[in-house]
Every structure is written in structure tokens, then in C-alpha cells.
Amino acid sequence: MNYKYAVIVPDGLGDWPVESLGNRTPLEAAALPNLHALSKSSILGTLRTAPQGMYPGSDVCGLSLMGYDPKSCYTGRAPLEAANLGLMLGPGELAFRTNLVSVENGTLTDYSADHITTDEAAVLVQALQKELGNQDLHFYPGKMYRHIMIYTKPLTLKVETDPPHDFQGEPYARHWPRGKGAERLIELTEKSRAVLENHPVNIERARAGKGKANMIWLWGGGPAPKLERFKNKFAVQGGVISAVDLLNGLGRYLGWEIIDVPGATGYFDTDYAAKGEYAVQALDRLDLVFVHVEATDEAGHSGLVKEKVKAIEQIDRHIAGPLVSRLKQEKNWRLFVAPDHYTPVAKKTHIADPVPFIFSGSDVKQASGLPYTEKTAKQTGVHLENGYELMKRLIEGWN
């Protein structure tokens, strides 16, 4: 029996009640005719996407939502992002995520360098490679503030690192890398300031009243993961839509089609309608489409309540609505909607709370009768402790 499958992941959707929203969460405050209708006629519950003891990053949680147990296959965030840049790690190589950040007087003031543009960032990363790169390490440009460093002598490195979005506004020296070889990463970070501080790109940004990308932050390092191809695991051919290298990199390791959508930016200005259109079209040739939207997470990290509400509404209108309509043209279909983690606007970082999910399909007979919110998802008592179970149920059926 042939099925069509879809997954919608509003990154960082989960949140806490916000006073300015009348003590409602952004999800509760948003106008969501499509998601609420879907939730009322579907299974509604909660899902633990980050195994106990693992950081609830989009890497760990993304693996879970794609149907893989992070405890058995996770090696780090950067190798996944590197894959989407065409950088497949060889034996003994490590990749590190390289954020361009803004610092001032010893404080990390912005984890994204005031959301530097991809074009500006490419020039800065080129300067880093020229001044700091050598036969053992190489810097590669990605998108906006997200870049990659590959280190070819990993036997001298075994470090723990902190994501910069977790300590924005704090002295960054409290969060230096720790462990064997950490001094090498710290040295590179400190040297990057001399390369970047007075670079023409940053001088121009300062003139325009924008934050300087005046330091790098290295984190999320690891070797290449060993992941079974999705088609071998589930006998389903998938594709991913995301503006984020991490999710696309995961898709490459799984053997998914990487669906490039013009206007998809990974920020508030992303083209939601184009993402919805391309997702609908993808179902004509693929069994499964996995649609990831970063804007909700960016709003959470920036503490922007109104932007988060708006992003949720755009997902409902331009992605959930069209995808559900397309699926219902099929005799057999299933869909789930689930964020990868919470990113509360009050906290501005990731939280490991179980996330609210909707599970729907042509063979799903249960109906929650409840709108889609964090609170109602808890009220149903439906809970999956292992995040990877949701994809397994999507392919094999809820029961």
C-alpha cells in the first residue's frame, strides 16, 4: 500500500507563557486555522526529542525527528553542516561550526553578528582562511553567520564547547573550550579578532550602524557520523526543505533529495509560500517531504515575541494549509507536525522539555478535539519518550 508522507518542523516553536501576550505562549496567541483544525481531528501529544543527558540542539533533535536514535549515531553538529557544503569528512578529520559573532569589552553581544549577510560573511571567511588557515585547518563559508572549520589533526583535540546562542550577553571567557587541545581553539578565536576587527566589511557595517562580525566562535565539533540510508531503513524516498545547512547536511547523509527553494533564508524574511509550494510539488515525485522552518527559532533566540507569533501564523497559512490539502488528495497519507525543541523568548536558548506534536493521516481514527498548543498536548496524556518513534510510526502506522 503506497503512502505519501509529510513532516513540518517549526524550529524552536515550544515556548512559555508571555506576559505581553496575556500570559499565553506564542503558539496560543497565534491565529492558526489550519493547525488547530488538524489537531482537533488528529492525535495530539508530547514527544521527547533530546535523550536524557544530551543537549537539545537542532542536530540531536533533528536526528530524532528523522527517525534516528542520537545516542547511537550522533557525533557532533558541525560534520552535518559541513556535508551540505560538500565537505564530507575523511578518516581522522574533525569539523567545527564557526560562528561569526560580535564581541565588546569581553562580552559576546550577538551570536549572529547582527545577522550578517551571506555575501559579507564570505569575504570575512576568506580573510580568515588567508591569515589563519594552513595545511592542518581550513575555513569554509556557509550562510549568514554559520560557517565551518575543518581540522585534519584531530588526535590532538578532544574538547567540549558551548553554543554561542546560549550565553549571549555574558563574558565569553567563561565559556572557552575545555579539554585536550582546547588551547588551540582558544588561540584561533583570539587571533580571529585581529583579522576581523578592522576589516573593511566591518568598518562599513559600523558606519551603517550594524554590529561588527569581529570574532569567531568554534563549537559543535566532531567526526563524520555513520548513518544508515533512510531508504534502506524505511523503504521510503525522502526530501528535505530547509534554509539551514545542518538539516540539509543531515538529509545528505540520509540520501534525501535536498530541495533548494528560492527565497528561503532561515530568517524572518524567508519565503514561506515558496516553501509550501515546493513541498507540495515534491510529493509528486517523492514519498516523503520534510519541511523545516528556522524563523521561529531565530525569534526565540532574539527574544522577539511578535516575530515568533507572526512566523507561526505564516507556517500555518503557507505551509500547513497547502500541504494538508495536497495530502488529502491521496488515498493513503500521513503527516506529523513537531518542533525540534523549545526556544522560549524569555530564555533565548533551547530547552529540553517534551515538544507538542500532531499526528494525522488517512488511517488515523483518533481525534483529540483540542487546538494545537503546548498545554493541550500535555493534557491528552499521549507521550512518546523516544523521539525517533514518531518517524517510525509515520512510516509504519500509529499502532
Protein backbone atom coordinates (compact mmCIF):
# COMPACT_ATOMS: atom_id res chain seq x y z
CA MET A 1 0.00 0.00 0.00
CA ASN A 2 1.64 3.24 -1.15
CA TYR A 3 1.55 6.25 1.16
CA LYS A 4 2.57 9.89 0.90
CA TYR A 5 4.20 11.37 3.99
CA ALA A 6 4.94 14.90 5.19
CA VAL A 7 6.69 16.36 8.22
CA ILE A 8 6.53 20.02 9.31
CA VAL A 9 9.15 21.21 11.80
CA PRO A 10 8.73 24.77 13.13
CA ASP A 11 12.16 25.04 14.77
CA GLY A 12 12.08 26.16 18.42
CA LEU A 13 8.27 26.53 18.38
CA GLY A 14 7.72 25.50 22.00
CA ASP A 15 7.55 28.35 24.48
CA TRP A 16 6.40 29.56 27.89
CA PRO A 17 3.55 31.98 28.71
CA VAL A 18 4.49 35.58 27.85
CA GLU A 19 3.09 38.49 29.86
CA SER A 20 2.71 40.76 26.83
CA LEU A 21 0.53 38.08 25.22
CA GLY A 22 -1.81 37.91 28.20
CA ASN A 23 0.19 35.04 29.72
CA ARG A 24 -0.25 32.97 26.59
CA THR A 25 2.53 31.29 24.63
CA PRO A 26 3.21 32.49 21.07
CA LEU A 27 1.58 29.26 19.86
CA GLU A 28 -1.54 30.01 21.92
CA ALA A 29 -1.64 33.62 20.71
CA ALA A 30 -1.22 32.85 17.01
CA ALA A 31 -4.18 32.60 14.63
CA LEU A 32 -3.88 29.03 13.31
CA PRO A 33 -6.99 27.87 11.45
CA ASN A 34 -5.17 25.03 9.68
CA LEU A 35 -3.10 23.63 12.54
CA HIS A 36 -5.93 23.87 15.06
CA ALA A 37 -8.33 22.09 12.70
CA LEU A 38 -5.71 19.41 12.04
CA SER A 39 -5.02 18.98 15.76
CA LYS A 40 -8.70 18.58 16.61
CA SER A 41 -9.11 15.75 14.12
CA SER A 42 -5.79 14.03 14.90
CA ILE A 43 -3.64 12.52 17.64
CA LEU A 44 -2.17 15.25 19.84
CA GLY A 45 0.61 14.61 22.35
CA THR A 46 4.14 15.30 23.54
CA LEU A 47 7.48 13.94 22.38
CA ARG A 48 10.94 13.93 23.95
CA THR A 49 13.30 14.83 21.10
CA ALA A 50 16.52 15.10 23.12
CA PRO A 51 17.53 11.94 25.02
CA GLN A 52 18.26 12.46 28.70
CA GLY A 53 21.73 13.92 29.14
CA MET A 54 22.04 15.27 25.57
CA TYR A 55 21.85 18.97 24.67
CA PRO A 56 18.56 19.83 22.90
CA GLY A 57 20.16 21.25 19.77
CA SER A 58 18.65 21.01 16.31
CA ASP A 59 21.29 18.41 15.46
CA VAL A 60 20.30 15.96 18.19
CA CYS A 61 16.59 16.75 17.92
CA GLY A 62 16.67 16.74 14.12
CA LEU A 63 18.12 13.23 14.13
CA SER A 64 15.29 12.16 16.43
CA LEU A 65 12.58 13.63 14.19
CA MET A 66 14.15 11.97 11.15
CA GLY A 67 13.85 8.60 12.85
CA TYR A 68 17.34 8.02 14.27
CA ASP A 69 18.47 7.49 17.86
CA PRO A 70 21.03 10.24 18.62
CA LYS A 71 22.55 8.13 21.39
CA SER A 72 23.75 5.60 18.84
CA CYS A 73 24.80 7.80 15.90
CA TYR A 74 25.41 11.43 16.97
CA THR A 75 29.00 12.68 16.56
CA GLY A 76 28.56 16.46 16.54
CA ARG A 77 26.76 19.27 14.78
CA ALA A 78 29.49 20.56 12.50
CA PRO A 79 30.02 17.37 10.44
CA LEU A 80 26.35 17.54 9.45
CA GLU A 81 26.57 21.18 8.38
CA ALA A 82 29.83 20.51 6.55
CA ALA A 83 28.13 17.82 4.47
CA ASN A 84 25.74 20.36 3.00
CA LEU A 85 28.70 22.44 1.86
CA GLY A 86 30.01 19.39 0.01
CA LEU A 87 32.60 18.77 2.73
CA MET A 88 32.46 15.06 3.58
CA LEU A 89 35.00 14.36 6.31
CA GLY A 90 37.74 11.84 5.76
CA PRO A 91 39.09 9.41 8.36
CA GLY A 92 40.60 11.27 11.27
CA GLU A 93 39.17 14.70 10.34
CA LEU A 94 37.05 16.96 12.56
CA ALA A 95 34.67 19.74 11.59
CA PHE A 96 33.78 22.69 13.84
CA ARG A 97 30.88 25.09 13.44
CA THR A 98 32.37 28.56 13.12
CA ASN A 99 30.03 31.38 14.09
CA LEU A 100 30.84 34.95 13.16
CA VAL A 101 29.94 36.80 16.38
CA SER A 102 30.00 40.30 17.83
CA VAL A 103 32.00 40.96 20.99
CA GLU A 104 32.66 44.07 23.04
CA ASN A 105 34.71 44.52 26.22
CA GLY A 106 34.98 40.78 26.76
CA THR A 107 31.23 40.16 26.30
CA LEU A 108 29.57 38.24 23.49
CA THR A 109 26.94 40.75 22.41
CA ASP A 110 25.46 38.89 19.42
CA TYR A 111 25.82 35.21 18.47
CA SER A 112 24.92 36.05 14.83
CA ALA A 113 26.99 39.22 14.28
CA ASP A 114 23.76 41.20 13.90
CA HIS A 115 22.62 38.62 11.32
CA ILE A 116 25.42 39.40 8.92
CA THR A 117 24.61 38.75 5.26
CA THR A 118 25.98 35.71 3.44
CA ASP A 119 27.89 37.89 0.96
CA GLU A 120 29.59 39.93 3.70
CA ALA A 121 30.40 36.78 5.65
CA ALA A 122 32.00 35.09 2.65
CA VAL A 123 34.56 37.92 2.40
CA LEU A 124 35.38 37.63 6.11
CA VAL A 125 35.76 33.85 5.99
CA GLN A 126 38.08 34.23 3.01
CA ALA A 127 40.20 36.60 5.12
CA LEU A 128 40.26 34.08 7.97
CA GLN A 129 41.46 31.36 5.62
CA LYS A 130 44.18 33.59 4.21
CA GLU A 131 45.50 34.68 7.62
CA LEU A 132 44.82 31.65 9.86
CA GLY A 133 44.34 28.68 7.53
CA ASN A 134 47.15 26.21 6.85
CA GLN A 135 47.69 22.58 5.82
CA ASP A 136 46.07 21.42 9.07
CA LEU A 137 42.99 23.62 9.15
CA HIS A 138 40.69 25.23 6.62
CA PHE A 139 37.81 27.72 6.90
CA TYR A 140 34.81 27.33 4.57
CA PRO A 141 31.98 29.85 4.11
CA GLY A 142 28.39 28.83 4.77
CA LYS A 143 25.33 31.07 5.15
CA MET A 144 24.97 34.27 7.15
CA TYR A 145 26.81 33.77 10.45
CA ARG A 146 27.14 29.95 10.16
CA HIS A 147 30.45 28.62 8.79
CA ILE A 148 32.77 25.61 9.05
CA MET A 149 36.37 24.93 10.05
CA ILE A 150 37.90 21.53 9.26
CA TYR A 151 40.84 20.35 11.34
CA THR A 152 42.90 17.49 9.93
CA LYS A 153 44.91 16.66 13.08
CA PRO A 154 42.12 15.62 15.48
CA LEU A 155 44.27 13.34 17.64
CA THR A 156 45.40 16.50 19.46
CA LEU A 157 41.80 17.63 20.09
CA LYS A 158 39.14 16.27 22.41
CA VAL A 159 37.18 19.27 23.57
CA GLU A 160 33.81 20.34 24.93
CA THR A 161 32.33 23.57 23.60
CA ASP A 162 29.35 25.81 24.34
CA PRO A 163 26.93 27.11 21.67
CA PRO A 164 27.22 30.92 21.49
CA HIS A 165 23.43 31.41 21.44
CA ASP A 166 23.44 30.00 24.98
CA PHE A 167 25.50 32.80 26.53
CA GLN A 168 24.75 35.96 24.55
CA GLY A 169 25.28 38.94 26.87
CA GLU A 170 27.80 37.10 29.03
CA PRO A 171 31.63 37.27 29.26
CA TYR A 172 32.77 34.78 26.65
CA ALA A 173 35.90 33.75 28.60
CA ARG A 174 33.57 31.84 30.97
CA HIS A 175 32.70 29.60 28.02
CA TRP A 176 36.09 28.85 26.49
CA PRO A 177 36.51 25.33 25.03
CA ARG A 178 37.54 22.74 27.61
CA GLY A 179 39.60 19.56 27.33
CA LYS A 180 42.55 18.22 25.38
CA GLY A 181 43.71 20.72 22.76
CA ALA A 182 41.30 23.45 23.89
CA GLU A 183 44.15 25.96 23.90
CA ARG A 184 44.42 25.57 20.10
CA LEU A 185 40.78 26.62 19.60
CA ILE A 186 41.15 29.48 22.07
CA GLU A 187 44.27 30.70 20.25
CA LEU A 188 42.44 30.66 16.91
CA THR A 189 39.49 32.54 18.41
CA GLU A 190 41.72 35.24 19.84
CA LYS A 191 43.69 35.56 16.59
CA SER A 192 40.47 35.97 14.64
CA ARG A 193 39.87 39.32 16.33
CA ALA A 194 42.99 40.79 14.76
CA VAL A 195 41.81 39.59 11.33
CA LEU A 196 38.23 40.78 11.65
CA GLU A 197 38.05 43.87 13.87
CA ASN A 198 39.19 46.43 11.31
CA HIS A 199 38.37 44.55 8.14
CA PRO A 200 36.73 46.82 5.52
CA VAL A 201 33.50 44.81 5.75
CA ASN A 202 33.26 45.56 9.47
CA ILE A 203 34.23 49.20 9.08
CA GLU A 204 31.38 49.58 6.59
CA ARG A 205 28.96 47.73 8.89
CA ALA A 206 29.88 50.03 11.76
CA ARG A 207 29.26 53.09 9.56
CA ALA A 208 25.82 51.68 8.76
CA GLY A 209 25.04 51.23 12.45
CA LYS A 210 25.31 47.43 12.29
CA GLY A 211 27.17 45.14 14.66
CA LYS A 212 30.67 44.06 13.68
CA ALA A 213 31.47 40.40 13.00
CA ASN A 214 34.68 40.86 14.95
CA MET A 215 35.39 37.35 16.31
CA ILE A 216 34.72 33.69 15.55
CA TRP A 217 33.31 31.12 17.95
CA LEU A 218 34.22 27.45 17.39
CA TRP A 219 31.81 24.80 18.66
CA GLY A 220 29.90 21.60 17.86
CA GLY A 221 32.96 19.75 16.62
CA GLY A 222 33.09 16.09 15.67
CA PRO A 223 33.96 13.43 13.09
CA ALA A 224 31.70 12.11 10.33
CA PRO A 225 28.69 10.16 11.60
CA LYS A 226 27.73 6.68 10.41
CA LEU A 227 24.07 6.83 9.40
CA GLU A 228 22.04 4.17 7.61
CA ARG A 229 20.38 5.50 4.48
CA PHE A 230 16.74 6.38 5.07
CA LYS A 231 15.55 4.33 2.11
CA ASN A 232 17.35 1.27 3.43
CA LYS A 233 15.92 1.81 6.89
CA PHE A 234 12.31 2.66 5.96
CA ALA A 235 11.94 1.78 2.24
CA VAL A 236 10.82 5.37 1.60
CA GLN A 237 12.42 8.03 -0.61
CA GLY A 238 12.55 11.40 1.14
CA GLY A 239 13.44 15.02 0.53
CA VAL A 240 14.16 17.95 2.83
CA ILE A 241 13.34 21.66 2.55
CA SER A 242 15.40 23.86 4.85
CA ALA A 243 17.48 27.03 4.63
CA VAL A 244 19.84 25.66 7.28
CA ASP A 245 22.98 23.71 6.41
CA LEU A 246 22.51 21.46 9.44
CA LEU A 247 19.19 19.98 8.30
CA ASN A 248 20.27 19.76 4.68
CA GLY A 249 23.52 18.09 5.76
CA LEU A 250 21.55 15.53 7.70
CA GLY A 251 19.45 14.97 4.60
CA ARG A 252 22.57 14.34 2.53
CA TYR A 253 23.79 11.67 4.96
CA LEU A 254 20.35 10.02 4.79
CA GLY A 255 20.31 10.05 0.99
CA TRP A 256 17.41 12.51 0.76
CA GLU A 257 16.86 14.96 -2.06
CA ILE A 258 17.93 18.45 -1.00
CA ILE A 259 15.16 20.71 -2.31
CA ASP A 260 16.50 24.21 -2.93
CA VAL A 261 13.78 26.84 -2.52
CA PRO A 262 14.43 30.35 -3.90
CA GLY A 263 13.81 32.93 -1.18
CA ALA A 264 14.34 30.51 1.74
CA THR A 265 16.65 32.41 4.08
CA GLY A 266 16.46 30.80 7.53
CA TYR A 267 15.26 34.13 8.94
CA PHE A 268 12.04 36.15 9.30
CA ASP A 269 12.16 37.22 5.67
CA THR A 270 12.05 33.63 4.38
CA ASP A 271 9.55 32.92 1.61
CA TYR A 272 7.01 30.74 3.42
CA ALA A 273 4.75 30.49 0.38
CA ALA A 274 7.59 29.21 -1.79
CA LYS A 275 8.44 26.59 0.81
CA GLY A 276 4.82 25.44 0.81
CA GLU A 277 4.70 25.33 -3.00
CA TYR A 278 7.91 23.35 -3.31
CA ALA A 279 6.78 20.92 -0.61
CA VAL A 280 3.51 20.27 -2.46
CA GLN A 281 5.37 19.76 -5.75
CA ALA A 282 7.88 17.42 -4.09
CA LEU A 283 5.13 14.97 -3.22
CA ASP A 284 4.55 14.39 -6.94
CA ARG A 285 7.95 12.64 -7.17
CA LEU A 286 8.89 11.69 -3.59
CA ASP A 287 7.30 9.52 -0.91
CA LEU A 288 8.12 11.93 1.93
CA VAL A 289 8.86 15.63 2.29
CA PHE A 290 10.41 17.07 5.48
CA VAL A 291 9.83 20.84 5.79
CA HIS A 292 11.92 22.74 8.33
CA VAL A 293 11.41 26.43 9.19
CA GLU A 294 14.11 28.27 11.16
CA ALA A 295 12.34 31.62 11.69
CA THR A 296 10.51 30.55 14.86
CA ASP A 297 13.82 29.58 16.46
CA GLU A 298 15.53 32.82 15.45
CA ALA A 299 12.68 34.78 17.03
CA GLY A 300 13.08 32.79 20.25
CA HIS A 301 16.85 33.39 20.37
CA SER A 302 16.31 37.10 19.77
CA GLY A 303 13.50 37.38 22.34
CA LEU A 304 11.13 38.78 19.71
CA VAL A 305 7.61 37.78 20.71
CA LYS A 306 5.70 39.40 17.84
CA GLU A 307 8.07 37.95 15.24
CA LYS A 308 7.58 34.48 16.69
CA VAL A 309 3.79 34.77 16.58
CA LYS A 310 3.96 36.05 13.02
CA ALA A 311 6.27 33.23 11.92
CA ILE A 312 3.93 30.60 13.39
CA GLU A 313 0.99 32.15 11.54
CA GLN A 314 2.94 32.16 8.27
CA ILE A 315 3.76 28.46 8.71
CA ASP A 316 0.08 27.72 9.29
CA ARG A 317 -1.10 29.66 6.26
CA HIS A 318 1.57 28.94 3.66
CA ILE A 319 2.93 25.51 4.63
CA ALA A 320 0.49 23.55 6.80
CA GLY A 321 -2.59 24.57 4.81
CA PRO A 322 -1.30 23.71 1.32
CA LEU A 323 0.46 20.51 2.45
CA VAL A 324 -2.60 19.10 4.21
CA SER A 325 -4.78 19.93 1.18
CA ARG A 326 -2.30 18.14 -1.11
CA LEU A 327 -2.07 15.07 1.11
CA LYS A 328 -5.84 14.73 1.27
CA GLN A 329 -5.86 14.22 -2.48
CA GLU A 330 -4.17 10.87 -1.79
CA LYS A 331 -5.97 7.73 -0.68
CA ASN A 332 -3.22 6.91 1.82
CA TRP A 333 -1.25 9.61 3.62
CA ARG A 334 0.26 10.53 6.98
CA LEU A 335 1.68 13.73 8.45
CA PHE A 336 3.22 14.91 11.68
CA VAL A 337 3.92 18.41 12.92
CA ALA A 338 6.51 18.80 15.69
CA PRO A 339 9.13 21.35 16.68
CA ASP A 340 12.58 20.01 17.42
CA HIS A 341 12.76 21.75 20.81
CA TYR A 342 11.55 24.71 22.86
CA THR A 343 13.22 28.12 22.40
CA PRO A 344 11.36 30.36 24.87
CA VAL A 345 11.61 34.08 24.12
CA ALA A 346 12.23 34.73 27.81
CA LYS A 347 15.16 32.28 27.91
CA LYS A 348 16.58 32.93 24.41
CA THR A 349 18.02 29.43 24.23
CA HIS A 350 16.97 25.80 23.82
CA ILE A 351 15.03 23.86 26.45
CA ALA A 352 14.72 20.08 26.60
CA ASP A 353 11.01 19.97 27.52
CA PRO A 354 8.95 17.42 25.54
CA VAL A 355 7.51 19.16 22.46
CA PRO A 356 3.87 19.21 21.30
CA PHE A 357 3.14 17.13 18.20
CA ILE A 358 0.23 16.45 15.85
CA PHE A 359 -0.01 13.03 14.16
CA SER A 360 -2.55 12.79 11.37
CA GLY A 361 -3.37 10.50 8.47
CA SER A 362 -5.93 8.75 6.35
CA ASP A 363 -5.82 5.77 8.73
CA VAL A 364 -5.79 7.77 11.99
CA LYS A 365 -9.16 7.39 13.71
CA GLN A 366 -8.34 9.14 16.99
CA ALA A 367 -9.37 12.79 17.34
CA SER A 368 -8.12 14.97 20.19
CA GLY A 369 -10.83 17.61 19.77
CA LEU A 370 -8.25 20.12 21.02
CA PRO A 371 -6.35 23.00 19.40
CA TYR A 372 -2.59 22.78 18.93
CA THR A 373 -0.84 24.26 21.98
CA GLU A 374 1.79 23.19 24.48
CA LYS A 375 -0.83 22.94 27.22
CA THR A 376 -3.39 20.88 25.29
CA ALA A 377 -0.68 18.50 24.07
CA LYS A 378 0.18 17.72 27.71
CA GLN A 379 -3.47 17.35 28.64
CA THR A 380 -4.04 14.42 26.28
CA GLY A 381 -1.64 12.19 28.19
CA VAL A 382 -0.22 10.89 24.89
CA HIS A 383 3.57 10.85 25.19
CA LEU A 384 6.47 9.28 23.30
CA GLU A 385 9.66 9.14 25.32
CA ASN A 386 11.92 8.32 22.36
CA GLY A 387 11.86 10.99 19.67
CA TYR A 388 12.73 8.63 16.83
CA GLU A 389 9.50 6.68 17.46
CA LEU A 390 7.42 9.36 15.75
CA MET A 391 9.02 8.86 12.33
CA LYS A 392 8.77 5.08 12.76
CA ARG A 393 5.04 5.44 13.42
CA LEU A 394 4.68 7.82 10.48
CA ILE A 395 6.02 5.16 8.12
CA GLU A 396 4.58 2.06 9.78
CA GLY A 397 1.36 3.43 11.28
CA TRP A 398 0.50 4.77 14.72
CA ASN A 399 -0.25 1.34 16.16
